[in-house]
Amino acid sequence: MLPHYQSIQEKLQVIESEIKTTTERLNNEKEKFSRYFDPSQAKTIMQEQSNRLDSHQIPIIWLEDNSIKASSESNSSL
């Protein structure tokens, strides 16, 4: 009787683990679904998935200023 009980407990733990994993995945998918099908977020999602910007937005491109790095390195070698 005891080995049978242990076997059932192990199966139960496996099933509970699978339920937890599936529940987390389901909640994640629900969040995605509600976000993607929310009409108020359609514009934001289209911008995220494409390289196009709203006509009222200005793209900002960050550039590294190598001249500052080069001058600080040359000063540190003195």
C-alpha atoms as a PDB file:
ATOM      1  CA  MET A   1       0.000   0.000   0.000  1.00  0.00           C
ATOM      2  CA  LEU A   2       2.813   2.436   0.839  1.00  0.00           C
ATOM      3  CA  PRO A   3       4.625   2.121  -2.559  1.00  0.00           C
ATOM      4  CA  HIS A   4       1.321   2.689  -4.318  1.00  0.00           C
ATOM      5  CA  TYR A   5       0.713   5.823  -2.225  1.00  0.00           C
ATOM      6  CA  GLN A   6       4.211   7.156  -3.006  1.00  0.00           C
ATOM      7  CA  SER A   7       3.668   6.547  -6.698  1.00  0.00           C
ATOM      8  CA  ILE A   8       0.403   8.461  -6.613  1.00  0.00           C
ATOM      9  CA  GLN A   9       2.066  11.332  -4.706  1.00  0.00           C
ATOM     10  CA  GLU A  10       4.841  11.563  -7.296  1.00  0.00           C
ATOM     11  CA  LYS A  11       2.317  11.647 -10.135  1.00  0.00           C
ATOM     12  CA  LEU A  12       0.353  14.316  -8.292  1.00  0.00           C
ATOM     13  CA  GLN A  13       3.476  16.462  -7.888  1.00  0.00           C
ATOM     14  CA  VAL A  14       4.251  16.147 -11.607  1.00  0.00           C
ATOM     15  CA  ILE A  15       0.701  17.117 -12.513  1.00  0.00           C
ATOM     16  CA  GLU A  16       0.716  20.086 -10.118  1.00  0.00           C
ATOM     17  CA  SER A  17       4.006  21.258 -11.592  1.00  0.00           C
ATOM     18  CA  GLU A  18       2.591  21.040 -15.107  1.00  0.00           C
ATOM     19  CA  ILE A  19      -0.527  22.917 -14.015  1.00  0.00           C
ATOM     20  CA  LYS A  20       1.603  25.708 -12.549  1.00  0.00           C
ATOM     21  CA  THR A  21       3.686  26.000 -15.727  1.00  0.00           C
ATOM     22  CA  THR A  22       0.618  25.948 -17.946  1.00  0.00           C
ATOM     23  CA  THR A  23      -1.168  28.537 -15.791  1.00  0.00           C
ATOM     24  CA  GLU A  24       1.810  30.904 -16.029  1.00  0.00           C
ATOM     25  CA  ARG A  25       1.963  30.447 -19.793  1.00  0.00           C
ATOM     26  CA  LEU A  26      -1.792  30.984 -20.088  1.00  0.00           C
ATOM     27  CA  ASN A  27      -1.633  34.213 -18.077  1.00  0.00           C
ATOM     28  CA  ASN A  28       1.212  35.432 -20.274  1.00  0.00           C
ATOM     29  CA  GLU A  29      -0.757  34.649 -23.422  1.00  0.00           C
ATOM     30  CA  LYS A  30      -3.849  36.385 -22.025  1.00  0.00           C
ATOM     31  CA  GLU A  31      -1.791  39.538 -21.384  1.00  0.00           C
ATOM     32  CA  LYS A  32      -0.396  39.456 -24.909  1.00  0.00           C
ATOM     33  CA  PHE A  33      -3.833  38.876 -26.406  1.00  0.00           C
ATOM     34  CA  SER A  34      -5.460  41.711 -24.494  1.00  0.00           C
ATOM     35  CA  ARG A  35      -2.579  44.033 -25.417  1.00  0.00           C
ATOM     36  CA  TYR A  36      -2.533  43.177 -29.117  1.00  0.00           C
ATOM     37  CA  PHE A  37      -6.294  43.452 -29.483  1.00  0.00           C
ATOM     38  CA  ASP A  38      -6.675  46.649 -27.464  1.00  0.00           C
ATOM     39  CA  PRO A  39      -7.679  49.376 -29.944  1.00  0.00           C
ATOM     40  CA  SER A  40      -6.107  52.090 -27.804  1.00  0.00           C
ATOM     41  CA  GLN A  41      -2.677  50.421 -28.124  1.00  0.00           C
ATOM     42  CA  ALA A  42      -2.818  49.621 -31.822  1.00  0.00           C
ATOM     43  CA  LYS A  43      -0.731  52.659 -32.794  1.00  0.00           C
ATOM     44  CA  THR A  44       1.953  51.897 -30.210  1.00  0.00           C
ATOM     45  CA  ILE A  45       2.210  48.260 -31.280  1.00  0.00           C
ATOM     46  CA  MET A  46       2.485  49.210 -34.951  1.00  0.00           C
ATOM     47  CA  GLN A  47       5.372  51.543 -34.084  1.00  0.00           C
ATOM     48  CA  GLU A  48       7.115  48.838 -32.053  1.00  0.00           C
ATOM     49  CA  GLN A  49       6.902  46.331 -34.877  1.00  0.00           C
ATOM     50  CA  SER A  50       7.983  48.664 -37.657  1.00  0.00           C
ATOM     51  CA  ASN A  51      10.618  51.330 -38.168  1.00  0.00           C
ATOM     52  CA  ARG A  52       8.060  54.023 -38.905  1.00  0.00           C
ATOM     53  CA  LEU A  53       7.470  56.887 -36.494  1.00  0.00           C
ATOM     54  CA  ASP A  54       4.476  59.041 -35.849  1.00  0.00           C
ATOM     55  CA  SER A  55       4.604  62.299 -37.798  1.00  0.00           C
ATOM     56  CA  HIS A  56       4.755  64.190 -34.486  1.00  0.00           C
ATOM     57  CA  GLN A  57       7.820  62.307 -33.274  1.00  0.00           C
ATOM     58  CA  ILE A  58      11.422  63.048 -34.080  1.00  0.00           C
ATOM     59  CA  PRO A  59      13.909  60.163 -34.147  1.00  0.00           C
ATOM     60  CA  ILE A  60      16.904  60.513 -31.844  1.00  0.00           C
ATOM     61  CA  ILE A  61      20.163  58.781 -32.727  1.00  0.00           C
ATOM     62  CA  TRP A  62      22.825  58.536 -30.036  1.00  0.00           C
ATOM     63  CA  LEU A  63      26.417  58.704 -31.211  1.00  0.00           C
ATOM     64  CA  GLU A  64      29.536  57.981 -29.214  1.00  0.00           C
ATOM     65  CA  ASP A  65      31.912  60.879 -28.946  1.00  0.00           C
ATOM     66  CA  ASN A  66      35.270  59.183 -29.565  1.00  0.00           C
ATOM     67  CA  SER A  67      37.188  62.476 -29.409  1.00  0.00           C
ATOM     68  CA  ILE A  68      36.465  62.777 -25.670  1.00  0.00           C
ATOM     69  CA  LYS A  69      37.640  59.231 -25.044  1.00  0.00           C
ATOM     70  CA  ALA A  70      40.780  59.750 -27.104  1.00  0.00           C
ATOM     71  CA  SER A  71      41.706  63.000 -25.362  1.00  0.00           C
ATOM     72  CA  SER A  72      41.147  61.558 -21.886  1.00  0.00           C
ATOM     73  CA  GLU A  73      43.293  58.538 -22.753  1.00  0.00           C
ATOM     74  CA  SER A  74      46.109  60.747 -24.024  1.00  0.00           C
ATOM     75  CA  ASN A  75      45.958  62.887 -20.858  1.00  0.00           C
ATOM     76  CA  SER A  76      46.125  59.838 -18.608  1.00  0.00           C
ATOM     77  CA  SER A  77      49.293  58.642 -20.311  1.00  0.00           C
ATOM     78  CA  LEU A  78      51.135  61.871 -19.373  1.00  0.00           C
END
